[in-house]
């Protein structure tokens, strides 16, 4: 798993590349736990190159969801592959989290 990010104004875009499993979920948790992440009002997660997500990977996002909501930070996933999106849908996480098709759509929602 490779995690990179890009910062623009009040938005951070986190790009996930590879498999988000039990071992790599620790890296994501560290990234989302950094105090400076709370400085952003919009966190966009680019899932275009995310090939697999385990329950541990999902757990990382779930564990940070309430903290982001309390701070009025929007967490938006985009470019999600069908096999990854199906995991979110099967678990009903698409009802808790915002999942859109493209970066442009993510930015539109983020700016509402």
PDB file of N, CA and C in Angstrom:
ATOM      1  N   UNK A   1       0.848  -1.180   0.000  1.00  0.00           N
ATOM      2  CA  UNK A   1       0.000   0.000   0.000  1.00  0.00           C
ATOM      3  C   UNK A   1       0.887   1.233   0.000  1.00  0.00           C
ATOM      4  N   UNK A   2       0.578   2.121  -0.900  1.00  0.00           N
ATOM      5  CA  UNK A   2       1.253   3.414  -0.951  1.00  0.00           C
ATOM      6  C   UNK A   2       0.198   4.491  -0.730  1.00  0.00           C
ATOM      7  N   UNK A   3       0.489   5.401   0.184  1.00  0.00           N
ATOM      8  CA  UNK A   3      -0.430   6.491   0.492  1.00  0.00           C
ATOM      9  C   UNK A   3       0.281   7.806   0.199  1.00  0.00           C
ATOM     10  N   UNK A   4      -0.329   8.598  -0.671  1.00  0.00           N
ATOM     11  CA  UNK A   4       0.205   9.925  -0.963  1.00  0.00           C
ATOM     12  C   UNK A   4      -0.908  10.939  -0.760  1.00  0.00           C
ATOM     13  N   UNK A   5      -0.543  12.195  -0.674  1.00  0.00           N
ATOM     14  CA  UNK A   5      -1.575  13.219  -0.546  1.00  0.00           C
ATOM     15  C   UNK A   5      -1.163  14.501  -1.255  1.00  0.00           C
ATOM     16  N   UNK A   6      -2.187  15.255  -1.576  1.00  0.00           N
ATOM     17  CA  UNK A   6      -2.024  16.553  -2.235  1.00  0.00           C
ATOM     18  C   UNK A   6      -2.876  17.556  -1.474  1.00  0.00           C
ATOM     19  N   UNK A   7      -2.318  18.718  -1.218  1.00  0.00           N
ATOM     20  CA  UNK A   7      -3.024  19.745  -0.461  1.00  0.00           C
ATOM     21  C   UNK A   7      -3.319  20.930  -1.374  1.00  0.00           C
ATOM     22  N   UNK A   8      -4.578  21.377  -1.316  1.00  0.00           N
ATOM     23  CA  UNK A   8      -4.991  22.558  -2.078  1.00  0.00           C
ATOM     24  C   UNK A   8      -6.039  23.295  -1.254  1.00  0.00           C
ATOM     25  N   UNK A   9      -5.701  24.493  -0.829  1.00  0.00           N
ATOM     26  CA  UNK A   9      -6.576  25.313   0.004  1.00  0.00           C
ATOM     27  C   UNK A   9      -6.956  24.551   1.276  1.00  0.00           C
ATOM     28  N   UNK A  10      -8.234  24.399   1.526  1.00  0.00           N
ATOM     29  CA  UNK A  10      -8.723  23.702   2.722  1.00  0.00           C
ATOM     30  C   UNK A  10      -9.025  22.229   2.456  1.00  0.00           C
ATOM     31  N   UNK A  11      -8.454  21.694   1.373  1.00  0.00           N
ATOM     32  CA  UNK A  11      -8.749  20.325   0.951  1.00  0.00           C
ATOM     33  C   UNK A  11      -7.477  19.496   0.889  1.00  0.00           C
ATOM     34  N   UNK A  12      -7.545  18.294   1.444  1.00  0.00           N
ATOM     35  CA  UNK A  12      -6.461  17.330   1.276  1.00  0.00           C
ATOM     36  C   UNK A  12      -7.034  16.144   0.503  1.00  0.00           C
ATOM     37  N   UNK A  13      -6.344  15.749  -0.539  1.00  0.00           N
ATOM     38  CA  UNK A  13      -6.729  14.567  -1.305  1.00  0.00           C
ATOM     39  C   UNK A  13      -5.733  13.467  -0.978  1.00  0.00           C
ATOM     40  N   UNK A  14      -6.244  12.378  -0.430  1.00  0.00           N
ATOM     41  CA  UNK A  14      -5.421  11.224  -0.073  1.00  0.00           C
ATOM     42  C   UNK A  14      -5.599  10.176  -1.157  1.00  0.00           C
ATOM     43  N   UNK A  15      -4.496   9.728  -1.713  1.00  0.00           N
ATOM     44  CA  UNK A  15      -4.542   8.716  -2.771  1.00  0.00           C
ATOM     45  C   UNK A  15      -4.057   7.383  -2.218  1.00  0.00           C
ATOM     46  N   UNK A  16      -4.886   6.361  -2.397  1.00  0.00           N
ATOM     47  CA  UNK A  16      -4.558   5.014  -1.938  1.00  0.00           C
ATOM     48  C   UNK A  16      -4.177   4.167  -3.141  1.00  0.00           C
ATOM     49  N   UNK A  17      -3.045   3.490  -3.049  1.00  0.00           N
ATOM     50  CA  UNK A  17      -2.551   2.684  -4.164  1.00  0.00           C
ATOM     51  C   UNK A  17      -2.165   1.309  -3.636  1.00  0.00           C
ATOM     52  N   UNK A  18      -2.915   0.279  -4.056  1.00  0.00           N
ATOM     53  CA  UNK A  18      -2.606  -1.086  -3.636  1.00  0.00           C
ATOM     54  C   UNK A  18      -3.727  -1.704  -2.829  1.00  0.00           C
ATOM     55  N   UNK A  19      -3.341  -2.511  -1.846  1.00  0.00           N
ATOM     56  CA  UNK A  19      -4.300  -3.232  -1.010  1.00  0.00           C
ATOM     57  C   UNK A  19      -4.294  -2.662   0.401  1.00  0.00           C
ATOM     58  N   UNK A  20      -5.483  -2.348   0.892  1.00  0.00           N
ATOM     59  CA  UNK A  20      -5.628  -1.843   2.254  1.00  0.00           C
ATOM     60  C   UNK A  20      -6.074  -3.007   3.130  1.00  0.00           C
ATOM     61  N   UNK A  21      -5.093  -3.669   3.740  1.00  0.00           N
ATOM     62  CA  UNK A  21      -5.364  -4.835   4.576  1.00  0.00           C
ATOM     63  C   UNK A  21      -4.951  -4.530   6.014  1.00  0.00           C
ATOM     64  N   UNK A  22      -4.899  -5.564   6.843  1.00  0.00           N
ATOM     65  CA  UNK A  22      -4.597  -5.369   8.262  1.00  0.00           C
ATOM     66  C   UNK A  22      -3.247  -4.690   8.479  1.00  0.00           C
ATOM     67  N   UNK A  23      -2.248  -5.085   7.728  1.00  0.00           N
ATOM     68  CA  UNK A  23      -0.922  -4.491   7.945  1.00  0.00           C
ATOM     69  C   UNK A  23      -0.831  -3.067   7.403  1.00  0.00           C
ATOM     70  N   UNK A  24      -1.386  -2.814   6.246  1.00  0.00           N
ATOM     71  CA  UNK A  24      -1.292  -1.468   5.670  1.00  0.00           C
ATOM     72  C   UNK A  24      -2.299  -0.495   6.279  1.00  0.00           C
ATOM     73  N   UNK A  25      -3.326  -1.005   6.942  1.00  0.00           N
ATOM     74  CA  UNK A  25      -4.303  -0.111   7.563  1.00  0.00           C
ATOM     75  C   UNK A  25      -3.664   0.715   8.677  1.00  0.00           C
ATOM     76  N   UNK A  26      -2.580   0.206   9.253  1.00  0.00           N
ATOM     77  CA  UNK A  26      -1.852   0.954  10.278  1.00  0.00           C
ATOM     78  C   UNK A  26      -1.301   2.255   9.685  1.00  0.00           C
ATOM     79  N   UNK A  27      -0.804   2.187   8.452  1.00  0.00           N
ATOM     80  CA  UNK A  27      -0.278   3.380   7.777  1.00  0.00           C
ATOM     81  C   UNK A  27      -1.377   4.420   7.556  1.00  0.00           C
ATOM     82  N   UNK A  28      -2.538   3.951   7.128  1.00  0.00           N
ATOM     83  CA  UNK A  28      -3.660   4.861   6.907  1.00  0.00           C
ATOM     84  C   UNK A  28      -4.112   5.479   8.222  1.00  0.00           C
ATOM     85  N   UNK A  29      -4.176   4.670   9.271  1.00  0.00           N
ATOM     86  CA  UNK A  29      -4.581   5.182  10.579  1.00  0.00           C
ATOM     87  C   UNK A  29      -3.616   6.269  11.056  1.00  0.00           C
ATOM     88  N   UNK A  30      -2.327   6.040  10.848  1.00  0.00           N
ATOM     89  CA  UNK A  30      -1.335   7.054  11.221  1.00  0.00           C
ATOM     90  C   UNK A  30      -1.557   8.348  10.442  1.00  0.00           C
ATOM     91  N   UNK A  31      -1.847   8.223   9.162  1.00  0.00           N
ATOM     92  CA  UNK A  31      -2.085   9.403   8.313  1.00  0.00           C
ATOM     93  C   UNK A  31      -3.311  10.184   8.797  1.00  0.00           C
ATOM     94  N   UNK A  32      -4.398   9.475   9.085  1.00  0.00           N
ATOM     95  CA  UNK A  32      -5.636  10.133   9.504  1.00  0.00           C
ATOM     96  C   UNK A  32      -5.591  10.607  10.951  1.00  0.00           C
ATOM     97  N   UNK A  33      -4.646  10.106  11.728  1.00  0.00           N
ATOM     98  CA  UNK A  33      -4.513  10.491  13.135  1.00  0.00           C
ATOM     99  C   UNK A  33      -3.615  11.701  13.347  1.00  0.00           C
ATOM    100  N   UNK A  34      -2.919  12.122  12.318  1.00  0.00           N
ATOM    101  CA  UNK A  34      -2.033  13.280  12.452  1.00  0.00           C
ATOM    102  C   UNK A  34      -2.861  14.505  12.841  1.00  0.00           C
ATOM    103  N   UNK A  35      -2.392  15.264  13.826  1.00  0.00           N
ATOM    104  CA  UNK A  35      -3.161  16.447  14.263  1.00  0.00           C
ATOM    105  C   UNK A  35      -3.456  17.427  13.129  1.00  0.00           C
ATOM    106  N   UNK A  36      -2.529  17.563  12.191  1.00  0.00           N
ATOM    107  CA  UNK A  36      -2.727  18.543  11.119  1.00  0.00           C
ATOM    108  C   UNK A  36      -3.860  18.173  10.166  1.00  0.00           C
ATOM    109  N   UNK A  37      -4.303  16.923  10.180  1.00  0.00           N
ATOM    110  CA  UNK A  37      -5.424  16.525   9.313  1.00  0.00           C
ATOM    111  C   UNK A  37      -6.685  17.298   9.699  1.00  0.00           C
ATOM    112  N   UNK A  38      -6.768  17.697  10.975  1.00  0.00           N
ATOM    113  CA  UNK A  38      -7.942  18.410  11.459  1.00  0.00           C
ATOM    114  C   UNK A  38      -7.977  19.868  10.987  1.00  0.00           C
ATOM    115  N   UNK A  39      -6.915  20.321  10.346  1.00  0.00           N
ATOM    116  CA  UNK A  39      -6.882  21.683   9.808  1.00  0.00           C
ATOM    117  C   UNK A  39      -7.660  21.799   8.503  1.00  0.00           C
ATOM    118  N   UNK A  40      -7.934  20.666   7.882  1.00  0.00           N
ATOM    119  CA  UNK A  40      -8.639  20.654   6.597  1.00  0.00           C
ATOM    120  C   UNK A  40     -10.136  20.501   6.819  1.00  0.00           C
ATOM    121  N   UNK A  41     -10.914  21.158   5.999  1.00  0.00           N
ATOM    122  CA  UNK A  41     -12.372  21.049   6.080  1.00  0.00           C
ATOM    123  C   UNK A  41     -12.914  19.998   5.126  1.00  0.00           C
ATOM    124  N   UNK A  42     -12.039  19.540   4.223  1.00  0.00           N
ATOM    125  CA  UNK A  42     -12.454  18.548   3.230  1.00  0.00           C
ATOM    126  C   UNK A  42     -11.344  17.518   3.085  1.00  0.00           C
ATOM    127  N   UNK A  43     -11.700  16.261   3.255  1.00  0.00           N
ATOM    128  CA  UNK A  43     -10.768  15.158   3.028  1.00  0.00           C
ATOM    129  C   UNK A  43     -11.345  14.314   1.903  1.00  0.00           C
ATOM    130  N   UNK A  44     -10.652  14.309   0.776  1.00  0.00           N
ATOM    131  CA  UNK A  44     -11.079  13.515  -0.372  1.00  0.00           C
ATOM    132  C   UNK A  44     -10.181  12.292  -0.449  1.00  0.00           C
ATOM    133  N   UNK A  45     -10.778  11.132  -0.654  1.00  0.00           N
ATOM    134  CA  UNK A  45     -10.016   9.888  -0.734  1.00  0.00           C
ATOM    135  C   UNK A  45     -10.155   9.324  -2.142  1.00  0.00           C
ATOM    136  N   UNK A  46      -9.049   9.346  -2.878  1.00  0.00           N
ATOM    137  CA  UNK A  46      -9.010   8.834  -4.247  1.00  0.00           C
ATOM    138  C   UNK A  46      -8.749   7.331  -4.195  1.00  0.00           C
ATOM    139  N   UNK A  47      -9.754   6.558  -4.590  1.00  0.00           N
ATOM    140  CA  UNK A  47      -9.689   5.093  -4.511  1.00  0.00           C
ATOM    141  C   UNK A  47      -9.424   4.439  -5.865  1.00  0.00           C
ATOM    142  N   UNK A  48      -9.021   5.227  -6.846  1.00  0.00           N
ATOM    143  CA  UNK A  48      -8.829   4.713  -8.200  1.00  0.00           C
ATOM    144  C   UNK A  48      -7.875   3.522  -8.240  1.00  0.00           C
ATOM    145  N   UNK A  49      -6.823   3.556  -7.452  1.00  0.00           N
ATOM    146  CA  UNK A  49      -5.831   2.478  -7.465  1.00  0.00           C
ATOM    147  C   UNK A  49      -5.898   1.600  -6.221  1.00  0.00           C
ATOM    148  N   UNK A  50      -7.001   1.705  -5.497  1.00  0.00           N
ATOM    149  CA  UNK A  50      -7.230   0.825  -4.352  1.00  0.00           C
ATOM    150  C   UNK A  50      -7.827  -0.472  -4.888  1.00  0.00           C
ATOM    151  N   UNK A  51      -7.059  -1.549  -4.816  1.00  0.00           N
ATOM    152  CA  UNK A  51      -7.475  -2.824  -5.406  1.00  0.00           C
ATOM    153  C   UNK A  51      -8.265  -3.711  -4.458  1.00  0.00           C
ATOM    154  N   UNK A  52      -8.111  -3.477  -3.155  1.00  0.00           N
ATOM    155  CA  UNK A  52      -8.714  -4.360  -2.156  1.00  0.00           C
ATOM    156  C   UNK A  52      -8.807  -3.597  -0.845  1.00  0.00           C
ATOM    157  N   UNK A  53      -9.876  -3.841  -0.092  1.00  0.00           N
ATOM    158  CA  UNK A  53      -9.989  -3.269   1.248  1.00  0.00           C
ATOM    159  C   UNK A  53     -10.517  -4.344   2.189  1.00  0.00           C
ATOM    160  N   UNK A  54      -9.833  -4.529   3.298  1.00  0.00           N
ATOM    161  CA  UNK A  54     -10.240  -5.524   4.295  1.00  0.00           C
ATOM    162  C   UNK A  54     -11.099  -4.845   5.359  1.00  0.00           C
ATOM    163  N   UNK A  55     -11.621  -5.653   6.270  1.00  0.00           N
ATOM    164  CA  UNK A  55     -12.404  -5.092   7.370  1.00  0.00           C
ATOM    165  C   UNK A  55     -11.547  -4.166   8.228  1.00  0.00           C
ATOM    166  N   UNK A  56     -10.260  -4.460   8.346  1.00  0.00           N
ATOM    167  CA  UNK A  56      -9.360  -3.583   9.110  1.00  0.00           C
ATOM    168  C   UNK A  56      -9.239  -2.224   8.427  1.00  0.00           C
ATOM    169  N   UNK A  57      -9.150  -2.222   7.116  1.00  0.00           N
ATOM    170  CA  UNK A  57      -9.085  -0.968   6.368  1.00  0.00           C
ATOM    171  C   UNK A  57     -10.361  -0.160   6.514  1.00  0.00           C
ATOM    172  N   UNK A  58     -11.493  -0.839   6.420  1.00  0.00           N
ATOM    173  CA  UNK A  58     -12.778  -0.165   6.622  1.00  0.00           C
ATOM    174  C   UNK A  58     -12.871   0.388   8.036  1.00  0.00           C
ATOM    175  N   UNK A  59     -12.372  -0.393   8.987  1.00  0.00           N
ATOM    176  CA  UNK A  59     -12.404   0.018  10.389  1.00  0.00           C
ATOM    177  C   UNK A  59     -11.665   1.319  10.644  1.00  0.00           C
ATOM    178  N   UNK A  60     -10.593   1.539   9.913  1.00  0.00           N
ATOM    179  CA  UNK A  60      -9.846   2.793  10.069  1.00  0.00           C
ATOM    180  C   UNK A  60     -10.737   3.976   9.701  1.00  0.00           C
ATOM    181  N   UNK A  61     -11.408   3.891   8.573  1.00  0.00           N
ATOM    182  CA  UNK A  61     -12.287   4.993   8.166  1.00  0.00           C
ATOM    183  C   UNK A  61     -13.438   5.166   9.153  1.00  0.00           C
ATOM    184  N   UNK A  62     -14.024   4.061   9.583  1.00  0.00           N
ATOM    185  CA  UNK A  62     -15.138   4.126  10.530  1.00  0.00           C
ATOM    186  C   UNK A  62     -14.685   4.753  11.846  1.00  0.00           C
ATOM    187  N   UNK A  63     -13.487   4.396  12.301  1.00  0.00           N
ATOM    188  CA  UNK A  63     -13.000   4.909  13.585  1.00  0.00           C
ATOM    189  C   UNK A  63     -12.761   6.419  13.563  1.00  0.00           C
ATOM    190  N   UNK A  64     -12.510   6.986  12.410  1.00  0.00           N
ATOM    191  CA  UNK A  64     -12.267   8.430  12.306  1.00  0.00           C
ATOM    192  C   UNK A  64     -13.509   9.208  11.877  1.00  0.00           C
ATOM    193  N   UNK A  65     -14.535   8.522  11.434  1.00  0.00           N
ATOM    194  CA  UNK A  65     -15.717   9.175  10.876  1.00  0.00           C
ATOM    195  C   UNK A  65     -16.364  10.155  11.853  1.00  0.00           C
ATOM    196  N   UNK A  66     -16.614   9.731  13.087  1.00  0.00           N
ATOM    197  CA  UNK A  66     -17.283  10.599  14.060  1.00  0.00           C
ATOM    198  C   UNK A  66     -16.433  11.824  14.399  1.00  0.00           C
ATOM    199  N   UNK A  67     -15.133  11.622  14.525  1.00  0.00           N
ATOM    200  CA  UNK A  67     -14.232  12.740  14.830  1.00  0.00           C
ATOM    201  C   UNK A  67     -14.290  13.791  13.718  1.00  0.00           C
ATOM    202  N   UNK A  68     -14.299  13.332  12.479  1.00  0.00           N
ATOM    203  CA  UNK A  68     -14.384  14.264  11.354  1.00  0.00           C
ATOM    204  C   UNK A  68     -15.740  14.965  11.327  1.00  0.00           C
ATOM    205  N   UNK A  69     -16.801  14.210  11.568  1.00  0.00           N
ATOM    206  CA  UNK A  69     -18.136  14.818  11.573  1.00  0.00           C
ATOM    207  C   UNK A  69     -18.252  15.862  12.676  1.00  0.00           C
ATOM    208  N   UNK A  70     -17.728  15.547  13.869  1.00  0.00           N
ATOM    209  CA  UNK A  70     -17.779  16.495  14.987  1.00  0.00           C
ATOM    210  C   UNK A  70     -17.040  17.791  14.659  1.00  0.00           C
ATOM    211  N   UNK A  71     -15.989  17.689  13.870  1.00  0.00           N
ATOM    212  CA  UNK A  71     -15.194  18.860  13.480  1.00  0.00           C
ATOM    213  C   UNK A  71     -15.704  19.489  12.180  1.00  0.00           C
ATOM    214  N   UNK A  72     -16.830  18.996  11.688  1.00  0.00           N
ATOM    215  CA  UNK A  72     -17.438  19.474  10.436  1.00  0.00           C
ATOM    216  C   UNK A  72     -16.480  19.351   9.254  1.00  0.00           C
ATOM    217  N   UNK A  73     -15.770  18.235   9.225  1.00  0.00           N
ATOM    218  CA  UNK A  73     -14.877  17.913   8.119  1.00  0.00           C
ATOM    219  C   UNK A  73     -15.606  16.934   7.206  1.00  0.00           C
ATOM    220  N   UNK A  74     -15.648  17.253   5.930  1.00  0.00           N
ATOM    221  CA  UNK A  74     -16.295  16.365   4.962  1.00  0.00           C
ATOM    222  C   UNK A  74     -15.301  15.306   4.497  1.00  0.00           C
ATOM    223  N   UNK A  75     -15.705  14.044   4.583  1.00  0.00           N
ATOM    224  CA  UNK A  75     -14.913  12.909   4.105  1.00  0.00           C
ATOM    225  C   UNK A  75     -15.633  12.347   2.886  1.00  0.00           C
ATOM    226  N   UNK A  76     -14.971  12.408   1.735  1.00  0.00           N
ATOM    227  CA  UNK A  76     -15.607  12.007   0.480  1.00  0.00           C
ATOM    228  C   UNK A  76     -14.688  11.060  -0.281  1.00  0.00           C
ATOM    229  N   UNK A  77     -15.232   9.920  -0.675  1.00  0.00           N
ATOM    230  CA  UNK A  77     -14.497   8.924  -1.452  1.00  0.00           C
ATOM    231  C   UNK A  77     -14.872   9.083  -2.924  1.00  0.00           C
ATOM    232  N   UNK A  78     -13.889   8.922  -3.810  1.00  0.00           N
ATOM    233  CA  UNK A  78     -14.196   8.993  -5.239  1.00  0.00           C
ATOM    234  C   UNK A  78     -13.302   8.043  -6.025  1.00  0.00           C
ATOM    235  N   UNK A  79     -13.698   7.809  -7.286  1.00  0.00           N
ATOM    236  CA  UNK A  79     -12.980   6.891  -8.194  1.00  0.00           C
ATOM    237  C   UNK A  79     -12.879   5.470  -7.634  1.00  0.00           C
ATOM    238  N   UNK A  80     -13.912   5.019  -6.971  1.00  0.00           N
ATOM    239  CA  UNK A  80     -13.869   3.706  -6.334  1.00  0.00           C
ATOM    240  C   UNK A  80     -14.152   2.600  -7.348  1.00  0.00           C
ATOM    241  N   UNK A  81     -13.281   1.604  -7.390  1.00  0.00           N
ATOM    242  CA  UNK A  81     -13.491   0.445  -8.252  1.00  0.00           C
ATOM    243  C   UNK A  81     -14.724  -0.323  -7.772  1.00  0.00           C
ATOM    244  N   UNK A  82     -15.401  -0.982  -8.701  1.00  0.00           N
ATOM    245  CA  UNK A  82     -16.641  -1.692  -8.375  1.00  0.00           C
ATOM    246  C   UNK A  82     -16.455  -2.710  -7.262  1.00  0.00           C
ATOM    247  N   UNK A  83     -15.372  -3.480  -7.296  1.00  0.00           N
ATOM    248  CA  UNK A  83     -15.190  -4.523  -6.280  1.00  0.00           C
ATOM    249  C   UNK A  83     -14.991  -3.926  -4.891  1.00  0.00           C
ATOM    250  N   UNK A  84     -14.383  -2.764  -4.804  1.00  0.00           N
ATOM    251  CA  UNK A  84     -14.217  -2.090  -3.516  1.00  0.00           C
ATOM    252  C   UNK A  84     -15.543  -1.447  -3.103  1.00  0.00           C
ATOM    253  N   UNK A  85     -16.212  -0.815  -4.053  1.00  0.00           N
ATOM    254  CA  UNK A  85     -17.501  -0.178  -3.763  1.00  0.00           C
ATOM    255  C   UNK A  85     -18.520  -1.207  -3.279  1.00  0.00           C
ATOM    256  N   UNK A  86     -18.482  -2.399  -3.844  1.00  0.00           N
ATOM    257  CA  UNK A  86     -19.403  -3.460  -3.419  1.00  0.00           C
ATOM    258  C   UNK A  86     -19.226  -3.800  -1.948  1.00  0.00           C
ATOM    259  N   UNK A  87     -17.995  -3.788  -1.465  1.00  0.00           N
ATOM    260  CA  UNK A  87     -17.739  -4.065  -0.046  1.00  0.00           C
ATOM    261  C   UNK A  87     -18.409  -2.997   0.814  1.00  0.00           C
ATOM    262  N   UNK A  88     -18.260  -1.737   0.441  1.00  0.00           N
ATOM    263  CA  UNK A  88     -18.909  -0.649   1.172  1.00  0.00           C
ATOM    264  C   UNK A  88     -20.429  -0.825   1.165  1.00  0.00           C
ATOM    265  N   UNK A  89     -20.978  -1.177   0.000  1.00  0.00           N
ATOM    266  CA  UNK A  89     -22.428  -1.316  -0.134  1.00  0.00           C
ATOM    267  C   UNK A  89     -22.965  -2.508   0.647  1.00  0.00           C
ATOM    268  N   UNK A  90     -22.280  -3.640   0.590  1.00  0.00           N
ATOM    269  CA  UNK A  90     -22.723  -4.838   1.311  1.00  0.00           C
ATOM    270  C   UNK A  90     -22.819  -4.560   2.808  1.00  0.00           C
ATOM    271  N   UNK A  91     -21.874  -3.783   3.322  1.00  0.00           N
ATOM    272  CA  UNK A  91     -21.844  -3.468   4.751  1.00  0.00           C
ATOM    273  C   UNK A  91     -22.685  -2.243   5.108  1.00  0.00           C
ATOM    274  N   UNK A  92     -23.304  -1.624   4.106  1.00  0.00           N
ATOM    275  CA  UNK A  92     -24.136  -0.452   4.344  1.00  0.00           C
ATOM    276  C   UNK A  92     -23.342   0.818   4.615  1.00  0.00           C
ATOM    277  N   UNK A  93     -22.048   0.789   4.350  1.00  0.00           N
ATOM    278  CA  UNK A  93     -21.215   1.959   4.611  1.00  0.00           C
ATOM    279  C   UNK A  93     -21.445   3.076   3.603  1.00  0.00           C
ATOM    280  N   UNK A  94     -22.040   2.741   2.465  1.00  0.00           N
ATOM    281  CA  UNK A  94     -22.377   3.777   1.488  1.00  0.00           C
ATOM    282  C   UNK A  94     -23.478   4.695   2.020  1.00  0.00           C
ATOM    283  N   UNK A  95     -24.176   4.250   3.072  1.00  0.00           N
ATOM    284  CA  UNK A  95     -25.202   5.077   3.700  1.00  0.00           C
ATOM    285  C   UNK A  95     -24.598   6.019   4.741  1.00  0.00           C
ATOM    286  N   UNK A  96     -23.423   5.675   5.254  1.00  0.00           N
ATOM    287  CA  UNK A  96     -22.744   6.486   6.267  1.00  0.00           C
ATOM    288  C   UNK A  96     -21.704   7.423   5.673  1.00  0.00           C
ATOM    289  N   UNK A  97     -21.166   7.033   4.536  1.00  0.00           N
ATOM    290  CA  UNK A  97     -20.065   7.770   3.929  1.00  0.00           C
ATOM    291  C   UNK A  97     -20.464   8.257   2.539  1.00  0.00           C
ATOM    292  N   UNK A  98     -19.869   9.341   2.117  1.00  0.00           N
ATOM    293  CA  UNK A  98     -20.154   9.895   0.797  1.00  0.00           C
ATOM    294  C   UNK A  98     -19.213   9.274  -0.225  1.00  0.00           C
ATOM    295  N   UNK A  99     -19.801   8.609  -1.221  1.00  0.00           N
ATOM    296  CA  UNK A  99     -19.035   7.958  -2.287  1.00  0.00           C
ATOM    297  C   UNK A  99     -19.548   8.495  -3.616  1.00  0.00           C
ATOM    298  N   UNK A 100     -18.641   9.061  -4.401  1.00  0.00           N
ATOM    299  CA  UNK A 100     -19.018   9.614  -5.703  1.00  0.00           C
ATOM    300  C   UNK A 100     -18.086   9.075  -6.781  1.00  0.00           C
ATOM    301  N   UNK A 101     -18.438   9.342  -8.020  1.00  0.00           N
ATOM    302  CA  UNK A 101     -17.707   8.766  -9.152  1.00  0.00           C
ATOM    303  C   UNK A 101     -16.389   9.456  -9.477  1.00  0.00           C
ATOM    304  N   UNK A 102     -16.349  10.784  -9.356  1.00  0.00           N
ATOM    305  CA  UNK A 102     -15.188  11.510  -9.878  1.00  0.00           C
ATOM    306  C   UNK A 102     -14.692  12.578  -8.908  1.00  0.00           C
ATOM    307  N   UNK A 103     -13.498  13.053  -9.191  1.00  0.00           N
ATOM    308  CA  UNK A 103     -12.914  14.152  -8.414  1.00  0.00           C
ATOM    309  C   UNK A 103     -13.789  15.397  -8.520  1.00  0.00           C
ATOM    310  N   UNK A 104     -14.254  15.707  -9.718  1.00  0.00           N
ATOM    311  CA  UNK A 104     -15.094  16.893  -9.907  1.00  0.00           C
ATOM    312  C   UNK A 104     -16.362  16.816  -9.069  1.00  0.00           C
ATOM    313  N   UNK A 105     -16.975  15.648  -9.050  1.00  0.00           N
ATOM    314  CA  UNK A 105     -18.184  15.456  -8.244  1.00  0.00           C
ATOM    315  C   UNK A 105     -17.858  15.576  -6.759  1.00  0.00           C
ATOM    316  N   UNK A 106     -16.719  15.034  -6.349  1.00  0.00           N
ATOM    317  CA  UNK A 106     -16.290  15.140  -4.951  1.00  0.00           C
ATOM    318  C   UNK A 106     -16.096  16.601  -4.556  1.00  0.00           C
ATOM    319  N   UNK A 107     -15.470  17.379  -5.428  1.00  0.00           N
ATOM    320  CA  UNK A 107     -15.245  18.798  -5.136  1.00  0.00           C
ATOM    321  C   UNK A 107     -16.556  19.575  -5.086  1.00  0.00           C
ATOM    322  N   UNK A 108     -17.491  19.231  -5.952  1.00  0.00           N
ATOM    323  CA  UNK A 108     -18.794  19.901  -5.934  1.00  0.00           C
ATOM    324  C   UNK A 108     -19.478  19.680  -4.592  1.00  0.00           C
ATOM    325  N   UNK A 109     -19.494  18.438  -4.127  1.00  0.00           N
ATOM    326  CA  UNK A 109     -20.119  18.122  -2.836  1.00  0.00           C
ATOM    327  C   UNK A 109     -19.334  18.759  -1.695  1.00  0.00           C
ATOM    328  N   UNK A 110     -18.025  18.721  -1.781  1.00  0.00           N
ATOM    329  CA  UNK A 110     -17.180  19.294  -0.729  1.00  0.00           C
ATOM    330  C   UNK A 110     -17.409  20.792  -0.572  1.00  0.00           C
ATOM    331  N   UNK A 111     -17.731  21.455  -1.663  1.00  0.00           N
ATOM    332  CA  UNK A 111     -17.911  22.910  -1.632  1.00  0.00           C
ATOM    333  C   UNK A 111     -19.337  23.348  -1.331  1.00  0.00           C
ATOM    334  N   UNK A 112     -20.225  22.404  -1.090  1.00  0.00           N
ATOM    335  CA  UNK A 112     -21.619  22.757  -0.764  1.00  0.00           C
ATOM    336  C   UNK A 112     -21.713  23.300   0.647  1.00  0.00           C
TER     337      UNK A 112
END
